Protein backbone atom coordinates (compact mmCIF):
# COMPACT_ATOMS: atom_id res chain seq x y z
CA UNK A 1 -82.28 -49.25 136.96
CA UNK A 2 -83.54 -46.99 134.13
CA UNK A 3 -83.38 -43.41 134.56
CA UNK A 4 -87.16 -43.03 133.40
CA UNK A 5 -88.00 -45.84 135.79
CA UNK A 6 -86.78 -43.83 138.58
CA UNK A 7 -88.14 -40.57 137.68
CA UNK A 8 -91.83 -41.88 137.76
CA UNK A 9 -91.36 -43.42 141.09
CA UNK A 10 -90.05 -40.33 142.47
CA UNK A 11 -92.27 -38.48 141.28
CA UNK A 12 -94.82 -41.15 142.40
CA UNK A 13 -93.68 -40.53 146.15
CA UNK A 14 -93.98 -36.68 146.08
CA UNK A 15 -97.38 -36.74 144.78
CA UNK A 16 -97.54 -38.68 148.15
CA UNK A 17 -95.49 -37.25 151.26
CA UNK A 18 -96.72 -34.30 153.08
CA UNK A 19 -94.06 -31.99 152.85
CA UNK A 20 -95.83 -30.15 156.35
CA UNK A 21 -95.09 -33.12 158.10
CA UNK A 22 -92.63 -34.10 160.71
CA UNK A 23 -89.34 -34.63 159.05
CA UNK A 24 -88.65 -37.03 160.69
CA UNK A 25 -91.35 -39.10 160.10
CA UNK A 26 -91.42 -38.00 156.43
CA UNK A 27 -88.13 -39.55 156.24
CA UNK A 28 -89.17 -42.91 157.48
CA UNK A 29 -92.18 -42.97 155.31
CA UNK A 30 -89.31 -42.21 152.64
CA UNK A 31 -87.05 -45.23 153.70
CA UNK A 32 -89.72 -47.73 154.19
CA UNK A 33 -90.83 -46.76 150.22
CA UNK A 34 -87.20 -47.16 148.91
CA UNK A 35 -86.82 -50.55 150.59
CA UNK A 36 -90.58 -51.33 149.11
CA UNK A 37 -89.98 -50.04 145.52
CA UNK A 38 -86.20 -50.41 144.88
CA UNK A 39 -85.24 -52.91 147.52
CA UNK A 40 -82.83 -50.45 149.37
CA UNK A 41 -82.75 -50.95 152.97
CA UNK A 42 -81.33 -48.39 155.58
CA UNK A 43 -80.46 -48.92 158.42
CA UNK A 44 -81.42 -46.45 161.46
CA UNK A 45 -78.09 -44.37 161.36
CA UNK A 46 -78.41 -43.60 157.81
CA UNK A 47 -82.02 -42.35 158.05
CA UNK A 48 -81.43 -38.48 157.66
CA UNK A 49 -84.30 -37.00 158.97
CA UNK A 50 -83.95 -33.59 157.69
CA UNK A 51 -82.82 -34.41 153.73
CA UNK A 52 -84.52 -38.02 153.35
CA UNK A 53 -88.00 -37.21 153.09
CA UNK A 54 -86.94 -34.55 150.30
CA UNK A 55 -86.72 -35.52 146.27
CA UNK A 56 -82.56 -34.44 146.78
CA UNK A 57 -82.53 -37.22 149.73
CA UNK A 58 -84.38 -40.01 147.73
CA UNK A 59 -81.74 -39.18 144.48
CA UNK A 60 -78.64 -39.10 147.11
CA UNK A 61 -79.87 -42.74 148.22
CA UNK A 62 -80.72 -43.84 145.20
CA UNK A 63 -77.18 -42.22 143.24
CA UNK A 64 -75.23 -44.24 146.17
CA UNK A 65 -76.94 -47.51 145.47
CA UNK A 66 -76.06 -47.37 142.29
CA UNK A 67 -72.58 -46.55 142.95
CA UNK A 68 -70.13 -49.44 143.39
CA UNK A 69 -68.94 -49.88 146.92
């Protein structure tokens, strides 16, 4: 995954999210976004409701998916 592609997609996602929204809902929206755009499927237990809806949370998931398992 090219870094420029990731940066562009994260910027697009940030424009879509509601920073004042419910963190749990934003986390689920982020999980759906990651699956739709990057093919990364998260289990319910992997959805961190405090972090996933943020840029830092999205980056953490993307970094983890690129690391050898």
